[in-house]
Amino acid sequence: MALDETPIPSSTLNPAIPGADILTLNGGVGYTWESLSVDLGYMAIFYKTRRVTNNSLETGNNPAALPFSGVPGGDKYETFQNFVSMHLRYRF
């Protein structure tokens, strides 16, 4: 398990790089039978929900070109990732 805080402040956050604080959970199992080994791994990455109230994305700070919906409190970004891996090994 790991916790990583984002270096991106809300004033410059945009969808091109939607960084957020993350929490990762990792796990894996392995099995060896004679010369053959099989390993399985899983990682889930939970991103903290962030709200954007700036217009820094390709607008040149032009309020008329604001790409966000104008929802009070800003647009909400939610991200989740998961990874699965498998490793096979045979020893001669």
PDB file of N, CA and C in Angstrom:
ATOM      1  N   MET A   1       0.847  -1.163   0.000  1.00  0.00           N
ATOM      2  CA  MET A   1       0.000   0.000   0.000  1.00  0.00           C
ATOM      3  C   MET A   1       0.898   1.232   0.000  1.00  0.00           C
ATOM      4  N   ALA A   2       0.462   2.272  -0.724  1.00  0.00           N
ATOM      5  CA  ALA A   2       1.246   3.508  -0.793  1.00  0.00           C
ATOM      6  C   ALA A   2       0.312   4.701  -0.889  1.00  0.00           C
ATOM      7  N   LEU A   3       0.768   5.845  -0.399  1.00  0.00           N
ATOM      8  CA  LEU A   3       0.032   7.105  -0.491  1.00  0.00           C
ATOM      9  C   LEU A   3       0.969   8.118  -1.118  1.00  0.00           C
ATOM     10  N   ASP A   4       0.493   8.812  -2.166  1.00  0.00           N
ATOM     11  CA  ASP A   4       1.319   9.782  -2.879  1.00  0.00           C
ATOM     12  C   ASP A   4       0.517  11.063  -3.060  1.00  0.00           C
ATOM     13  N   GLU A   5       1.055  12.181  -2.597  1.00  0.00           N
ATOM     14  CA  GLU A   5       0.371  13.461  -2.731  1.00  0.00           C
ATOM     15  C   GLU A   5       0.775  14.130  -4.036  1.00  0.00           C
ATOM     16  N   THR A   6      -0.184  14.740  -4.722  1.00  0.00           N
ATOM     17  CA  THR A   6       0.076  15.380  -6.003  1.00  0.00           C
ATOM     18  C   THR A   6       0.828  16.699  -5.847  1.00  0.00           C
ATOM     19  N   PRO A   7       1.710  17.017  -6.792  1.00  0.00           N
ATOM     20  CA  PRO A   7       2.390  18.308  -6.764  1.00  0.00           C
ATOM     21  C   PRO A   7       1.626  19.381  -7.556  1.00  0.00           C
ATOM     22  N   ILE A   8       0.483  19.027  -8.157  1.00  0.00           N
ATOM     23  CA  ILE A   8      -0.254  19.947  -9.026  1.00  0.00           C
ATOM     24  C   ILE A   8      -1.275  20.735  -8.211  1.00  0.00           C
ATOM     25  N   PRO A   9      -1.109  22.067  -8.113  1.00  0.00           N
ATOM     26  CA  PRO A   9      -2.083  22.871  -7.373  1.00  0.00           C
ATOM     27  C   PRO A   9      -3.387  23.026  -8.174  1.00  0.00           C
ATOM     28  N   SER A  10      -4.490  23.294  -7.495  1.00  0.00           N
ATOM     29  CA  SER A  10      -5.784  23.441  -8.157  1.00  0.00           C
ATOM     30  C   SER A  10      -5.788  24.572  -9.184  1.00  0.00           C
ATOM     31  N   SER A  11      -4.960  25.579  -8.992  1.00  0.00           N
ATOM     32  CA  SER A  11      -4.950  26.718  -9.905  1.00  0.00           C
ATOM     33  C   SER A  11      -4.449  26.356 -11.296  1.00  0.00           C
ATOM     34  N   THR A  12      -3.690  25.266 -11.437  1.00  0.00           N
ATOM     35  CA  THR A  12      -3.198  24.859 -12.753  1.00  0.00           C
ATOM     36  C   THR A  12      -3.670  23.472 -13.159  1.00  0.00           C
ATOM     37  N   LEU A  13      -4.534  22.868 -12.393  1.00  0.00           N
ATOM     38  CA  LEU A  13      -5.056  21.543 -12.713  1.00  0.00           C
ATOM     39  C   LEU A  13      -5.936  21.616 -13.954  1.00  0.00           C
ATOM     40  N   ASN A  14      -5.767  20.677 -14.876  1.00  0.00           N
ATOM     41  CA  ASN A  14      -6.642  20.587 -16.038  1.00  0.00           C
ATOM     42  C   ASN A  14      -6.703  19.143 -16.499  1.00  0.00           C
ATOM     43  N   PRO A  15      -7.616  18.801 -17.411  1.00  0.00           N
ATOM     44  CA  PRO A  15      -7.777  17.401 -17.824  1.00  0.00           C
ATOM     45  C   PRO A  15      -6.572  16.806 -18.539  1.00  0.00           C
ATOM     46  N   ALA A  16      -5.687  17.651 -19.078  1.00  0.00           N
ATOM     47  CA  ALA A  16      -4.512  17.122 -19.763  1.00  0.00           C
ATOM     48  C   ALA A  16      -3.610  16.357 -18.801  1.00  0.00           C
ATOM     49  N   ILE A  17      -3.488  16.838 -17.569  1.00  0.00           N
ATOM     50  CA  ILE A  17      -2.714  16.164 -16.524  1.00  0.00           C
ATOM     51  C   ILE A  17      -3.534  16.241 -15.240  1.00  0.00           C
ATOM     52  N   PRO A  18      -4.540  15.372 -15.099  1.00  0.00           N
ATOM     53  CA  PRO A  18      -5.434  15.469 -13.939  1.00  0.00           C
ATOM     54  C   PRO A  18      -4.861  14.817 -12.686  1.00  0.00           C
ATOM     55  N   GLY A  19      -3.755  15.333 -12.196  1.00  0.00           N
ATOM     56  CA  GLY A  19      -3.104  14.755 -11.023  1.00  0.00           C
ATOM     57  C   GLY A  19      -3.936  14.919  -9.767  1.00  0.00           C
ATOM     58  N   ALA A  20      -3.804  13.976  -8.875  1.00  0.00           N
ATOM     59  CA  ALA A  20      -4.504  14.003  -7.594  1.00  0.00           C
ATOM     60  C   ALA A  20      -3.732  13.145  -6.610  1.00  0.00           C
ATOM     61  N   ASP A  21      -4.033  13.304  -5.328  1.00  0.00           N
ATOM     62  CA  ASP A  21      -3.464  12.411  -4.327  1.00  0.00           C
ATOM     63  C   ASP A  21      -3.953  11.002  -4.641  1.00  0.00           C
ATOM     64  N   ILE A  22      -3.075  10.009  -4.479  1.00  0.00           N
ATOM     65  CA  ILE A  22      -3.474   8.641  -4.795  1.00  0.00           C
ATOM     66  C   ILE A  22      -3.173   7.698  -3.637  1.00  0.00           C
ATOM     67  N   LEU A  23      -3.957   6.648  -3.589  1.00  0.00           N
ATOM     68  CA  LEU A  23      -3.754   5.537  -2.672  1.00  0.00           C
ATOM     69  C   LEU A  23      -3.675   4.285  -3.533  1.00  0.00           C
ATOM     70  N   THR A  24      -2.617   3.505  -3.392  1.00  0.00           N
ATOM     71  CA  THR A  24      -2.497   2.270  -4.161  1.00  0.00           C
ATOM     72  C   THR A  24      -2.546   1.062  -3.234  1.00  0.00           C
ATOM     73  N   LEU A  25      -3.211   0.036  -3.705  1.00  0.00           N
ATOM     74  CA  LEU A  25      -3.257  -1.252  -3.011  1.00  0.00           C
ATOM     75  C   LEU A  25      -2.695  -2.290  -3.963  1.00  0.00           C
ATOM     76  N   ASN A  26      -1.778  -3.113  -3.475  1.00  0.00           N
ATOM     77  CA  ASN A  26      -1.083  -4.090  -4.309  1.00  0.00           C
ATOM     78  C   ASN A  26      -1.147  -5.468  -3.677  1.00  0.00           C
ATOM     79  N   GLY A  27      -1.159  -6.463  -4.520  1.00  0.00           N
ATOM     80  CA  GLY A  27      -1.131  -7.826  -4.012  1.00  0.00           C
ATOM     81  C   GLY A  27      -0.679  -8.785  -5.094  1.00  0.00           C
ATOM     82  N   GLY A  28      -0.273  -9.948  -4.688  1.00  0.00           N
ATOM     83  CA  GLY A  28       0.149 -10.943  -5.657  1.00  0.00           C
ATOM     84  C   GLY A  28       0.268 -12.321  -5.044  1.00  0.00           C
ATOM     85  N   VAL A  29       0.262 -13.316  -5.914  1.00  0.00           N
ATOM     86  CA  VAL A  29       0.440 -14.706  -5.499  1.00  0.00           C
ATOM     87  C   VAL A  29       1.359 -15.382  -6.511  1.00  0.00           C
ATOM     88  N   GLY A  30       2.011 -16.415  -6.072  1.00  0.00           N
ATOM     89  CA  GLY A  30       2.891 -17.160  -6.958  1.00  0.00           C
ATOM     90  C   GLY A  30       2.827 -18.644  -6.643  1.00  0.00           C
ATOM     91  N   TYR A  31       3.107 -19.447  -7.654  1.00  0.00           N
ATOM     92  CA  TYR A  31       3.096 -20.893  -7.484  1.00  0.00           C
ATOM     93  C   TYR A  31       4.239 -21.477  -8.301  1.00  0.00           C
ATOM     94  N   THR A  32       4.975 -22.414  -7.720  1.00  0.00           N
ATOM     95  CA  THR A  32       6.054 -23.090  -8.422  1.00  0.00           C
ATOM     96  C   THR A  32       5.775 -24.585  -8.435  1.00  0.00           C
ATOM     97  N   TRP A  33       5.886 -25.162  -9.615  1.00  0.00           N
ATOM     98  CA  TRP A  33       5.701 -26.597  -9.787  1.00  0.00           C
ATOM     99  C   TRP A  33       6.869 -27.105 -10.611  1.00  0.00           C
ATOM    100  N   GLU A  34       7.760 -27.850  -9.973  1.00  0.00           N
ATOM    101  CA  GLU A  34       8.992 -28.349 -10.570  1.00  0.00           C
ATOM    102  C   GLU A  34       9.773 -27.192 -11.201  1.00  0.00           C
ATOM    103  N   SER A  35       9.897 -27.115 -12.509  1.00  0.00           N
ATOM    104  CA  SER A  35      10.686 -26.065 -13.169  1.00  0.00           C
ATOM    105  C   SER A  35       9.840 -24.889 -13.641  1.00  0.00           C
ATOM    106  N   LEU A  36       8.546 -24.934 -13.422  1.00  0.00           N
ATOM    107  CA  LEU A  36       7.632 -23.901 -13.917  1.00  0.00           C
ATOM    108  C   LEU A  36       7.122 -23.047 -12.758  1.00  0.00           C
ATOM    109  N   SER A  37       7.173 -21.730 -12.940  1.00  0.00           N
ATOM    110  CA  SER A  37       6.646 -20.794 -11.937  1.00  0.00           C
ATOM    111  C   SER A  37       5.618 -19.881 -12.592  1.00  0.00           C
ATOM    112  N   VAL A  38       4.561 -19.587 -11.853  1.00  0.00           N
ATOM    113  CA  VAL A  38       3.526 -18.664 -12.313  1.00  0.00           C
ATOM    114  C   VAL A  38       3.293 -17.647 -11.208  1.00  0.00           C
ATOM    115  N   ASP A  39       3.339 -16.357 -11.567  1.00  0.00           N
ATOM    116  CA  ASP A  39       3.087 -15.280 -10.614  1.00  0.00           C
ATOM    117  C   ASP A  39       1.976 -14.392 -11.160  1.00  0.00           C
ATOM    118  N   LEU A  40       1.042 -14.015 -10.293  1.00  0.00           N
ATOM    119  CA  LEU A  40      -0.033 -13.096 -10.646  1.00  0.00           C
ATOM    120  C   LEU A  40       0.034 -11.890  -9.721  1.00  0.00           C
ATOM    121  N   GLY A  41      -0.174 -10.707 -10.271  1.00  0.00           N
ATOM    122  CA  GLY A  41      -0.146  -9.492  -9.465  1.00  0.00           C
ATOM    123  C   GLY A  41      -1.310  -8.583  -9.806  1.00  0.00           C
ATOM    124  N   TYR A  42      -1.714  -7.768  -8.848  1.00  0.00           N
ATOM    125  CA  TYR A  42      -2.809  -6.817  -9.051  1.00  0.00           C
ATOM    126  C   TYR A  42      -2.481  -5.518  -8.318  1.00  0.00           C
ATOM    127  N   MET A  43      -2.798  -4.395  -8.945  1.00  0.00           N
ATOM    128  CA  MET A  43      -2.625  -3.096  -8.311  1.00  0.00           C
ATOM    129  C   MET A  43      -3.847  -2.237  -8.625  1.00  0.00           C
ATOM    130  N   ALA A  44      -4.446  -1.668  -7.591  1.00  0.00           N
ATOM    131  CA  ALA A  44      -5.564  -0.740  -7.733  1.00  0.00           C
ATOM    132  C   ALA A  44      -5.086   0.640  -7.307  1.00  0.00           C
ATOM    133  N   ILE A  45      -5.376   1.658  -8.123  1.00  0.00           N
ATOM    134  CA  ILE A  45      -4.977   3.027  -7.815  1.00  0.00           C
ATOM    135  C   ILE A  45      -6.233   3.870  -7.655  1.00  0.00           C
ATOM    136  N   PHE A  46      -6.424   4.407  -6.460  1.00  0.00           N
ATOM    137  CA  PHE A  46      -7.571   5.250  -6.151  1.00  0.00           C
ATOM    138  C   PHE A  46      -7.108   6.704  -6.118  1.00  0.00           C
ATOM    139  N   TYR A  47      -7.658   7.540  -6.979  1.00  0.00           N
ATOM    140  CA  TYR A  47      -7.323   8.962  -7.019  1.00  0.00           C
ATOM    141  C   TYR A  47      -8.339   9.748  -6.212  1.00  0.00           C
ATOM    142  N   LYS A  48      -7.881  10.723  -5.465  1.00  0.00           N
ATOM    143  CA  LYS A  48      -8.771  11.606  -4.725  1.00  0.00           C
ATOM    144  C   LYS A  48      -9.545  12.462  -5.737  1.00  0.00           C
ATOM    145  N   THR A  49     -10.843  12.621  -5.529  1.00  0.00           N
ATOM    146  CA  THR A  49     -11.660  13.457  -6.401  1.00  0.00           C
ATOM    147  C   THR A  49     -11.217  14.906  -6.293  1.00  0.00           C
ATOM    148  N   ARG A  50     -11.083  15.561  -7.450  1.00  0.00           N
ATOM    149  CA  ARG A  50     -10.669  16.975  -7.465  1.00  0.00           C
ATOM    150  C   ARG A  50     -11.672  17.785  -8.260  1.00  0.00           C
ATOM    151  N   ARG A  51     -11.804  19.042  -7.885  1.00  0.00           N
ATOM    152  CA  ARG A  51     -12.675  19.979  -8.603  1.00  0.00           C
ATOM    153  C   ARG A  51     -11.827  21.060  -9.248  1.00  0.00           C
ATOM    154  N   VAL A  52     -12.179  21.437 -10.476  1.00  0.00           N
ATOM    155  CA  VAL A  52     -11.452  22.453 -11.221  1.00  0.00           C
ATOM    156  C   VAL A  52     -12.340  23.674 -11.400  1.00  0.00           C
ATOM    157  N   THR A  53     -11.797  24.824 -11.050  1.00  0.00           N
ATOM    158  CA  THR A  53     -12.531  26.081 -11.216  1.00  0.00           C
ATOM    159  C   THR A  53     -11.739  27.068 -12.070  1.00  0.00           C
ATOM    160  N   ASN A  54     -10.617  26.624 -12.639  1.00  0.00           N
ATOM    161  CA  ASN A  54      -9.804  27.519 -13.464  1.00  0.00           C
ATOM    162  C   ASN A  54     -10.120  27.310 -14.939  1.00  0.00           C
ATOM    163  N   ASN A  55      -9.525  28.139 -15.803  1.00  0.00           N
ATOM    164  CA  ASN A  55      -9.699  27.960 -17.242  1.00  0.00           C
ATOM    165  C   ASN A  55      -8.338  27.896 -17.927  1.00  0.00           C
ATOM    166  N   SER A  56      -7.424  27.156 -17.340  1.00  0.00           N
ATOM    167  CA  SER A  56      -6.048  27.108 -17.838  1.00  0.00           C
ATOM    168  C   SER A  56      -5.873  26.209 -19.053  1.00  0.00           C
ATOM    169  N   LEU A  57      -6.859  25.409 -19.415  1.00  0.00           N
ATOM    170  CA  LEU A  57      -6.694  24.463 -20.515  1.00  0.00           C
ATOM    171  C   LEU A  57      -6.915  25.130 -21.871  1.00  0.00           C
ATOM    172  N   GLU A  58      -5.850  25.437 -22.552  1.00  0.00           N
ATOM    173  CA  GLU A  58      -5.881  25.905 -23.935  1.00  0.00           C
ATOM    174  C   GLU A  58      -6.838  27.065 -24.186  1.00  0.00           C
ATOM    175  N   THR A  59      -7.063  27.912 -23.214  1.00  0.00           N
ATOM    176  CA  THR A  59      -7.973  29.040 -23.406  1.00  0.00           C
ATOM    177  C   THR A  59      -7.244  30.364 -23.389  1.00  0.00           C
ATOM    178  N   GLY A  60      -5.975  30.339 -23.019  1.00  0.00           N
ATOM    179  CA  GLY A  60      -5.254  31.594 -22.883  1.00  0.00           C
ATOM    180  C   GLY A  60      -5.882  32.473 -21.819  1.00  0.00           C
ATOM    181  N   ASN A  61      -6.534  31.844 -20.822  1.00  0.00           N
ATOM    182  CA  ASN A  61      -7.247  32.536 -19.747  1.00  0.00           C
ATOM    183  C   ASN A  61      -8.352  33.453 -20.281  1.00  0.00           C
ATOM    184  N   ASN A  62      -8.936  33.073 -21.413  1.00  0.00           N
ATOM    185  CA  ASN A  62     -10.068  33.800 -21.996  1.00  0.00           C
ATOM    186  C   ASN A  62     -11.356  33.247 -21.399  1.00  0.00           C
ATOM    187  N   PRO A  63     -12.099  34.013 -20.586  1.00  0.00           N
ATOM    188  CA  PRO A  63     -13.312  33.497 -19.954  1.00  0.00           C
ATOM    189  C   PRO A  63     -14.363  33.038 -20.961  1.00  0.00           C
ATOM    190  N   ALA A  64     -14.378  33.608 -22.162  1.00  0.00           N
ATOM    191  CA  ALA A  64     -15.358  33.198 -23.171  1.00  0.00           C
ATOM    192  C   ALA A  64     -15.059  31.801 -23.712  1.00  0.00           C
ATOM    193  N   ALA A  65     -13.820  31.352 -23.574  1.00  0.00           N
ATOM    194  CA  ALA A  65     -13.427  30.046 -24.080  1.00  0.00           C
ATOM    195  C   ALA A  65     -13.367  29.003 -22.970  1.00  0.00           C
ATOM    196  N   LEU A  66     -13.998  29.287 -21.845  1.00  0.00           N
ATOM    197  CA  LEU A  66     -13.955  28.390 -20.693  1.00  0.00           C
ATOM    198  C   LEU A  66     -14.466  26.996 -21.083  1.00  0.00           C
ATOM    199  N   PRO A  67     -13.620  25.954 -20.981  1.00  0.00           N
ATOM    200  CA  PRO A  67     -14.033  24.618 -21.393  1.00  0.00           C
ATOM    201  C   PRO A  67     -14.857  23.875 -20.348  1.00  0.00           C
ATOM    202  N   PHE A  68     -15.003  24.431 -19.172  1.00  0.00           N
ATOM    203  CA  PHE A  68     -15.693  23.726 -18.101  1.00  0.00           C
ATOM    204  C   PHE A  68     -17.167  24.131 -18.060  1.00  0.00           C
ATOM    205  N   SER A  69     -17.944  23.354 -17.393  1.00  0.00           N
ATOM    206  CA  SER A  69     -19.401  23.511 -17.423  1.00  0.00           C
ATOM    207  C   SER A  69     -19.910  24.692 -16.614  1.00  0.00           C
ATOM    208  N   GLY A  70     -19.109  25.251 -15.756  1.00  0.00           N
ATOM    209  CA  GLY A  70     -19.573  26.362 -14.932  1.00  0.00           C
ATOM    210  C   GLY A  70     -20.383  25.921 -13.725  1.00  0.00           C
ATOM    211  N   VAL A  71     -20.322  24.655 -13.370  1.00  0.00           N
ATOM    212  CA  VAL A  71     -21.010  24.135 -12.193  1.00  0.00           C
ATOM    213  C   VAL A  71     -20.436  24.802 -10.955  1.00  0.00           C
ATOM    214  N   PRO A  72     -21.278  25.284 -10.041  1.00  0.00           N
ATOM    215  CA  PRO A  72     -20.734  25.868  -8.806  1.00  0.00           C
ATOM    216  C   PRO A  72     -19.804  24.880  -8.109  1.00  0.00           C
ATOM    217  N   GLY A  73     -18.644  25.366  -7.726  1.00  0.00           N
ATOM    218  CA  GLY A  73     -17.656  24.485  -7.096  1.00  0.00           C
ATOM    219  C   GLY A  73     -16.705  23.869  -8.097  1.00  0.00           C
ATOM    220  N   GLY A  74     -16.959  24.051  -9.400  1.00  0.00           N
ATOM    221  CA  GLY A  74     -16.062  23.552 -10.439  1.00  0.00           C
ATOM    222  C   GLY A  74     -16.436  22.176 -10.947  1.00  0.00           C
ATOM    223  N   ASP A  75     -15.790  21.802 -12.037  1.00  0.00           N
ATOM    224  CA  ASP A  75     -15.997  20.475 -12.615  1.00  0.00           C
ATOM    225  C   ASP A  75     -15.248  19.436 -11.796  1.00  0.00           C
ATOM    226  N   LYS A  76     -15.855  18.256 -11.677  1.00  0.00           N
ATOM    227  CA  LYS A  76     -15.309  17.188 -10.835  1.00  0.00           C
ATOM    228  C   LYS A  76     -14.566  16.172 -11.699  1.00  0.00           C
ATOM    229  N   TYR A  77     -13.358  15.796 -11.252  1.00  0.00           N
ATOM    230  CA  TYR A  77     -12.561  14.777 -11.919  1.00  0.00           C
ATOM    231  C   TYR A  77     -12.403  13.587 -10.994  1.00  0.00           C
ATOM    232  N   GLU A  78     -12.810  12.420 -11.495  1.00  0.00           N
ATOM    233  CA  GLU A  78     -12.672  11.179 -10.741  1.00  0.00           C
ATOM    234  C   GLU A  78     -11.894  10.190 -11.612  1.00  0.00           C
ATOM    235  N   THR A  79     -10.884   9.557 -11.031  1.00  0.00           N
ATOM    236  CA  THR A  79     -10.050   8.626 -11.786  1.00  0.00           C
ATOM    237  C   THR A  79      -9.806   7.382 -10.951  1.00  0.00           C
ATOM    238  N   PHE A  80      -9.828   6.226 -11.616  1.00  0.00           N
ATOM    239  CA  PHE A  80      -9.500   4.950 -10.979  1.00  0.00           C
ATOM    240  C   PHE A  80      -8.749   4.113 -12.009  1.00  0.00           C
ATOM    241  N   GLN A  81      -7.695   3.455 -11.586  1.00  0.00           N
ATOM    242  CA  GLN A  81      -6.945   2.568 -12.472  1.00  0.00           C
ATOM    243  C   GLN A  81      -6.728   1.237 -11.778  1.00  0.00           C
ATOM    244  N   ASN A  82      -6.709   0.172 -12.589  1.00  0.00           N
ATOM    245  CA  ASN A  82      -6.304  -1.113 -12.032  1.00  0.00           C
ATOM    246  C   ASN A  82      -5.437  -1.834 -13.059  1.00  0.00           C
ATOM    247  N   PHE A  83      -4.487  -2.582 -12.540  1.00  0.00           N
ATOM    248  CA  PHE A  83      -3.528  -3.293 -13.364  1.00  0.00           C
ATOM    249  C   PHE A  83      -3.452  -4.746 -12.918  1.00  0.00           C
ATOM    250  N   VAL A  84      -3.379  -5.639 -13.899  1.00  0.00           N
ATOM    251  CA  VAL A  84      -3.217  -7.062 -13.637  1.00  0.00           C
ATOM    252  C   VAL A  84      -1.980  -7.519 -14.399  1.00  0.00           C
ATOM    253  N   SER A  85      -1.160  -8.321 -13.770  1.00  0.00           N
ATOM    254  CA  SER A  85       0.025  -8.837 -14.451  1.00  0.00           C
ATOM    255  C   SER A  85       0.183 -10.331 -14.196  1.00  0.00           C
ATOM    256  N   MET A  86       0.819 -10.992 -15.154  1.00  0.00           N
ATOM    257  CA  MET A  86       1.099 -12.416 -15.020  1.00  0.00           C
ATOM    258  C   MET A  86       2.520 -12.668 -15.530  1.00  0.00           C
ATOM    259  N   HIS A  87       3.238 -13.483 -14.810  1.00  0.00           N
ATOM    260  CA  HIS A  87       4.620 -13.798 -15.155  1.00  0.00           C
ATOM    261  C   HIS A  87       4.773 -15.320 -15.153  1.00  0.00           C
ATOM    262  N   LEU A  88       5.305 -15.852 -16.249  1.00  0.00           N
ATOM    263  CA  LEU A  88       5.605 -17.288 -16.341  1.00  0.00           C
ATOM    264  C   LEU A  88       7.115 -17.449 -16.442  1.00  0.00           C
ATOM    265  N   ARG A  89       7.637 -18.463 -15.756  1.00  0.00           N
ATOM    266  CA  ARG A  89       9.069 -18.723 -15.812  1.00  0.00           C
ATOM    267  C   ARG A  89       9.300 -20.238 -15.871  1.00  0.00           C
ATOM    268  N   TYR A  90      10.206 -20.622 -16.746  1.00  0.00           N
ATOM    269  CA  TYR A  90      10.593 -22.018 -16.828  1.00  0.00           C
ATOM    270  C   TYR A  90      12.104 -22.108 -16.684  1.00  0.00           C
ATOM    271  N   ARG A  91      12.552 -22.929 -15.755  1.00  0.00           N
ATOM    272  CA  ARG A  91      13.995 -23.105 -15.515  1.00  0.00           C
ATOM    273  C   ARG A  91      14.462 -24.393 -16.187  1.00  0.00           C
ATOM    274  N   PHE A  92      15.577 -24.260 -16.930  1.00  0.00           N
ATOM    275  CA  PHE A  92      16.152 -25.430 -17.614  1.00  0.00           C
ATOM    276  C   PHE A  92      17.125 -26.148 -16.716  1.00  0.00           C
TER     277      PHE A  92
END
